[in-house]
N, C-alpha and C. Protein backbone atom coordinates (compact mmCIF):
# COMPACT_ATOMS: atom_id res chain seq x y z
N MET A 1 0.86 -1.17 0.00
CA MET A 1 0.00 0.00 0.00
C MET A 1 0.90 1.23 0.00
N SER A 2 0.62 2.17 -0.89
CA SER A 2 1.44 3.37 -0.93
C SER A 2 1.24 4.16 0.35
N SER A 3 2.22 4.97 0.68
CA SER A 3 2.12 5.75 1.91
C SER A 3 0.97 6.75 1.84
N GLU A 4 0.70 7.32 0.66
CA GLU A 4 -0.42 8.25 0.53
C GLU A 4 -1.75 7.53 0.77
N LEU A 5 -1.89 6.35 0.21
CA LEU A 5 -3.10 5.58 0.43
C LEU A 5 -3.22 5.16 1.89
N GLY A 6 -2.11 4.79 2.50
CA GLY A 6 -2.11 4.40 3.90
C GLY A 6 -2.54 5.54 4.81
N VAL A 7 -2.04 6.74 4.53
CA VAL A 7 -2.40 7.92 5.31
C VAL A 7 -3.89 8.21 5.12
N ALA A 8 -4.35 8.18 3.89
CA ALA A 8 -5.76 8.45 3.62
C ALA A 8 -6.66 7.43 4.30
N LEU A 9 -6.27 6.17 4.25
CA LEU A 9 -7.07 5.13 4.87
C LEU A 9 -7.11 5.31 6.39
N ALA A 10 -5.98 5.60 6.99
CA ALA A 10 -5.94 5.81 8.43
C ALA A 10 -6.82 6.98 8.85
N ARG A 11 -6.73 8.07 8.12
CA ARG A 11 -7.56 9.24 8.44
C ARG A 11 -9.04 8.94 8.22
N ALA A 12 -9.33 8.20 7.16
CA ALA A 12 -10.72 7.86 6.87
C ALA A 12 -11.29 6.92 7.93
N VAL A 13 -10.48 5.98 8.40
CA VAL A 13 -10.93 5.07 9.46
C VAL A 13 -11.27 5.86 10.71
N ARG A 14 -10.38 6.75 11.09
CA ARG A 14 -10.61 7.56 12.29
C ARG A 14 -11.88 8.41 12.13
N ALA A 15 -12.02 9.06 10.98
CA ALA A 15 -13.18 9.92 10.75
C ALA A 15 -14.47 9.12 10.72
N GLU A 16 -14.46 7.98 10.05
CA GLU A 16 -15.67 7.16 9.96
C GLU A 16 -16.04 6.57 11.31
N ARG A 17 -15.04 6.17 12.07
CA ARG A 17 -15.30 5.63 13.40
C ARG A 17 -15.96 6.70 14.27
N ALA A 18 -15.45 7.91 14.19
CA ALA A 18 -16.03 9.02 14.96
C ALA A 18 -17.45 9.32 14.49
N ARG A 19 -17.66 9.34 13.16
CA ARG A 19 -18.99 9.59 12.61
C ARG A 19 -19.99 8.55 13.09
N ALA A 20 -19.52 7.30 13.17
CA ALA A 20 -20.39 6.20 13.59
C ALA A 20 -20.58 6.16 15.10
N GLY A 21 -19.83 6.99 15.82
CA GLY A 21 -19.95 7.02 17.28
C GLY A 21 -19.38 5.78 17.95
N LEU A 22 -18.36 5.19 17.31
CA LEU A 22 -17.75 3.96 17.83
C LEU A 22 -16.42 4.26 18.49
N THR A 23 -16.10 3.50 19.51
CA THR A 23 -14.78 3.59 20.12
C THR A 23 -13.83 2.64 19.39
N GLN A 24 -12.56 2.83 19.63
CA GLN A 24 -11.58 1.89 19.05
C GLN A 24 -11.83 0.49 19.57
N ALA A 25 -12.23 0.39 20.82
CA ALA A 25 -12.52 -0.93 21.41
C ALA A 25 -13.69 -1.60 20.71
N GLN A 26 -14.72 -0.83 20.38
CA GLN A 26 -15.88 -1.40 19.70
C GLN A 26 -15.53 -1.89 18.30
N VAL A 27 -14.76 -1.11 17.57
CA VAL A 27 -14.33 -1.52 16.23
C VAL A 27 -13.44 -2.76 16.34
N GLY A 28 -12.52 -2.74 17.29
CA GLY A 28 -11.65 -3.89 17.49
C GLY A 28 -12.43 -5.14 17.84
N GLU A 29 -13.43 -5.00 18.70
CA GLU A 29 -14.25 -6.16 19.08
C GLU A 29 -14.97 -6.73 17.88
N ARG A 30 -15.50 -5.85 17.03
CA ARG A 30 -16.19 -6.30 15.82
C ARG A 30 -15.26 -7.03 14.87
N MET A 31 -13.98 -6.66 14.90
CA MET A 31 -12.99 -7.29 14.02
C MET A 31 -12.30 -8.48 14.67
N GLY A 32 -12.45 -8.60 15.99
CA GLY A 32 -11.75 -9.67 16.70
C GLY A 32 -10.30 -9.33 16.99
N VAL A 33 -10.01 -8.02 17.12
CA VAL A 33 -8.66 -7.57 17.46
C VAL A 33 -8.75 -6.64 18.65
N ASP A 34 -7.61 -6.34 19.23
CA ASP A 34 -7.56 -5.45 20.39
C ASP A 34 -7.73 -4.00 19.96
N ALA A 35 -8.24 -3.18 20.86
CA ALA A 35 -8.40 -1.74 20.59
C ALA A 35 -7.07 -1.10 20.20
N SER A 36 -5.97 -1.60 20.75
CA SER A 36 -4.67 -1.03 20.42
C SER A 36 -4.34 -1.21 18.94
N THR A 37 -4.86 -2.26 18.33
CA THR A 37 -4.64 -2.47 16.89
C THR A 37 -5.30 -1.36 16.10
N ILE A 38 -6.52 -1.00 16.48
CA ILE A 38 -7.23 0.08 15.78
C ILE A 38 -6.49 1.40 16.01
N SER A 39 -6.03 1.62 17.22
CA SER A 39 -5.26 2.82 17.52
C SER A 39 -4.01 2.89 16.65
N GLN A 40 -3.32 1.79 16.53
CA GLN A 40 -2.09 1.75 15.73
C GLN A 40 -2.40 2.03 14.26
N ILE A 41 -3.50 1.49 13.76
CA ILE A 41 -3.90 1.74 12.37
C ILE A 41 -4.16 3.22 12.17
N GLU A 42 -4.92 3.81 13.07
CA GLU A 42 -5.26 5.23 12.95
C GLU A 42 -4.05 6.14 13.08
N ARG A 43 -3.04 5.71 13.82
CA ARG A 43 -1.83 6.53 14.02
C ARG A 43 -0.73 6.18 13.02
N LEU A 44 -1.02 5.28 12.09
CA LEU A 44 -0.05 4.81 11.10
C LEU A 44 1.12 4.07 11.71
N ALA A 45 0.92 3.53 12.89
CA ALA A 45 1.96 2.73 13.53
C ALA A 45 1.87 1.28 13.07
N ARG A 46 0.81 0.96 12.35
CA ARG A 46 0.59 -0.40 11.83
C ARG A 46 -0.19 -0.28 10.54
N ARG A 47 0.20 -1.08 9.57
CA ARG A 47 -0.51 -1.12 8.30
C ARG A 47 -1.80 -1.92 8.42
N VAL A 48 -2.74 -1.61 7.57
CA VAL A 48 -3.93 -2.45 7.43
C VAL A 48 -3.60 -3.46 6.35
N TYR A 49 -3.66 -4.72 6.68
CA TYR A 49 -3.39 -5.77 5.70
C TYR A 49 -4.61 -5.94 4.80
N MET A 50 -4.37 -6.28 3.56
CA MET A 50 -5.45 -6.37 2.59
C MET A 50 -6.57 -7.32 3.04
N ASP A 51 -6.21 -8.39 3.72
CA ASP A 51 -7.26 -9.33 4.15
C ASP A 51 -8.07 -8.77 5.32
N GLU A 52 -7.61 -7.69 5.93
CA GLU A 52 -8.34 -7.04 7.03
C GLU A 52 -9.32 -5.97 6.54
N VAL A 53 -9.12 -5.50 5.33
CA VAL A 53 -9.93 -4.39 4.82
C VAL A 53 -11.42 -4.71 4.84
N PRO A 54 -11.86 -5.87 4.34
CA PRO A 54 -13.30 -6.15 4.40
C PRO A 54 -13.85 -6.17 5.83
N GLU A 55 -13.09 -6.76 6.75
CA GLU A 55 -13.53 -6.80 8.15
C GLU A 55 -13.59 -5.40 8.75
N LEU A 56 -12.61 -4.59 8.43
CA LEU A 56 -12.57 -3.23 8.95
C LEU A 56 -13.77 -2.43 8.42
N CYS A 57 -14.03 -2.55 7.14
CA CYS A 57 -15.16 -1.83 6.56
C CYS A 57 -16.47 -2.31 7.17
N GLU A 58 -16.61 -3.62 7.34
CA GLU A 58 -17.82 -4.15 7.95
C GLU A 58 -17.98 -3.65 9.38
N ALA A 59 -16.89 -3.62 10.12
CA ALA A 59 -16.93 -3.14 11.51
C ALA A 59 -17.36 -1.68 11.58
N LEU A 60 -17.00 -0.91 10.56
CA LEU A 60 -17.37 0.50 10.51
C LEU A 60 -18.72 0.72 9.84
N GLY A 61 -19.28 -0.34 9.24
CA GLY A 61 -20.57 -0.22 8.57
C GLY A 61 -20.50 0.53 7.25
N THR A 62 -19.41 0.30 6.51
CA THR A 62 -19.21 1.01 5.25
C THR A 62 -18.50 0.10 4.25
N THR A 63 -18.29 0.60 3.07
CA THR A 63 -17.51 -0.12 2.05
C THR A 63 -16.18 0.61 1.88
N LEU A 64 -15.24 -0.05 1.25
CA LEU A 64 -13.94 0.58 1.01
C LEU A 64 -14.12 1.82 0.13
N ALA A 65 -14.94 1.71 -0.90
CA ALA A 65 -15.16 2.86 -1.79
C ALA A 65 -15.73 4.04 -1.01
N ASP A 66 -16.73 3.77 -0.17
CA ASP A 66 -17.33 4.85 0.62
C ASP A 66 -16.34 5.38 1.65
N LEU A 67 -15.56 4.50 2.23
CA LEU A 67 -14.59 4.92 3.23
C LEU A 67 -13.57 5.87 2.62
N LEU A 68 -13.03 5.52 1.45
CA LEU A 68 -12.05 6.39 0.80
C LEU A 68 -12.70 7.66 0.27
N ALA A 69 -13.97 7.56 -0.13
CA ALA A 69 -14.67 8.76 -0.59
C ALA A 69 -14.86 9.75 0.55
N LYS A 70 -14.90 9.24 1.77
CA LYS A 70 -15.06 10.10 2.95
C LYS A 70 -13.72 10.56 3.52
N ALA A 71 -12.63 10.14 2.91
CA ALA A 71 -11.32 10.57 3.37
C ALA A 71 -11.25 12.09 3.27
N PRO A 72 -10.48 12.72 4.12
CA PRO A 72 -10.34 14.18 4.02
C PRO A 72 -9.97 14.59 2.60
N THR A 73 -10.50 15.70 2.17
CA THR A 73 -10.37 16.16 0.79
C THR A 73 -8.92 16.23 0.31
N ASP A 74 -8.01 16.68 1.15
CA ASP A 74 -6.62 16.79 0.71
C ASP A 74 -6.03 15.41 0.42
N ASP A 75 -6.42 14.38 1.17
CA ASP A 75 -5.95 13.02 0.89
C ASP A 75 -6.51 12.50 -0.43
N ARG A 76 -7.79 12.73 -0.68
CA ARG A 76 -8.39 12.26 -1.92
C ARG A 76 -7.73 12.92 -3.11
N HIS A 77 -7.42 14.19 -2.99
CA HIS A 77 -6.79 14.92 -4.09
C HIS A 77 -5.42 14.34 -4.41
N ARG A 78 -4.61 14.07 -3.37
CA ARG A 78 -3.27 13.51 -3.60
C ARG A 78 -3.33 12.13 -4.22
N MET A 79 -4.40 11.36 -3.93
CA MET A 79 -4.52 10.01 -4.47
C MET A 79 -5.17 10.01 -5.84
N GLY A 80 -5.66 11.16 -6.30
CA GLY A 80 -6.32 11.22 -7.59
C GLY A 80 -7.74 10.70 -7.56
N LEU A 81 -8.37 10.73 -6.41
CA LEU A 81 -9.76 10.26 -6.28
C LEU A 81 -10.73 11.38 -6.51
């Protein structure tokens, strides 16, 4: 995953989680991972593996396309979205 895409995804995860009113612990529980994993993803301390993307999107109640569409505007612009 490119660093620009990784940054956009991390920011989008954080924003979508906040929009959904979910804690990191709640998202982690839905994915079967610890809250610290979600924190690390949001802080770019850990990558999101491709096989985790569907679970992450489901935990947030969104799709990858919608998640990236909701990424902050400056991130979408840099990625050409």
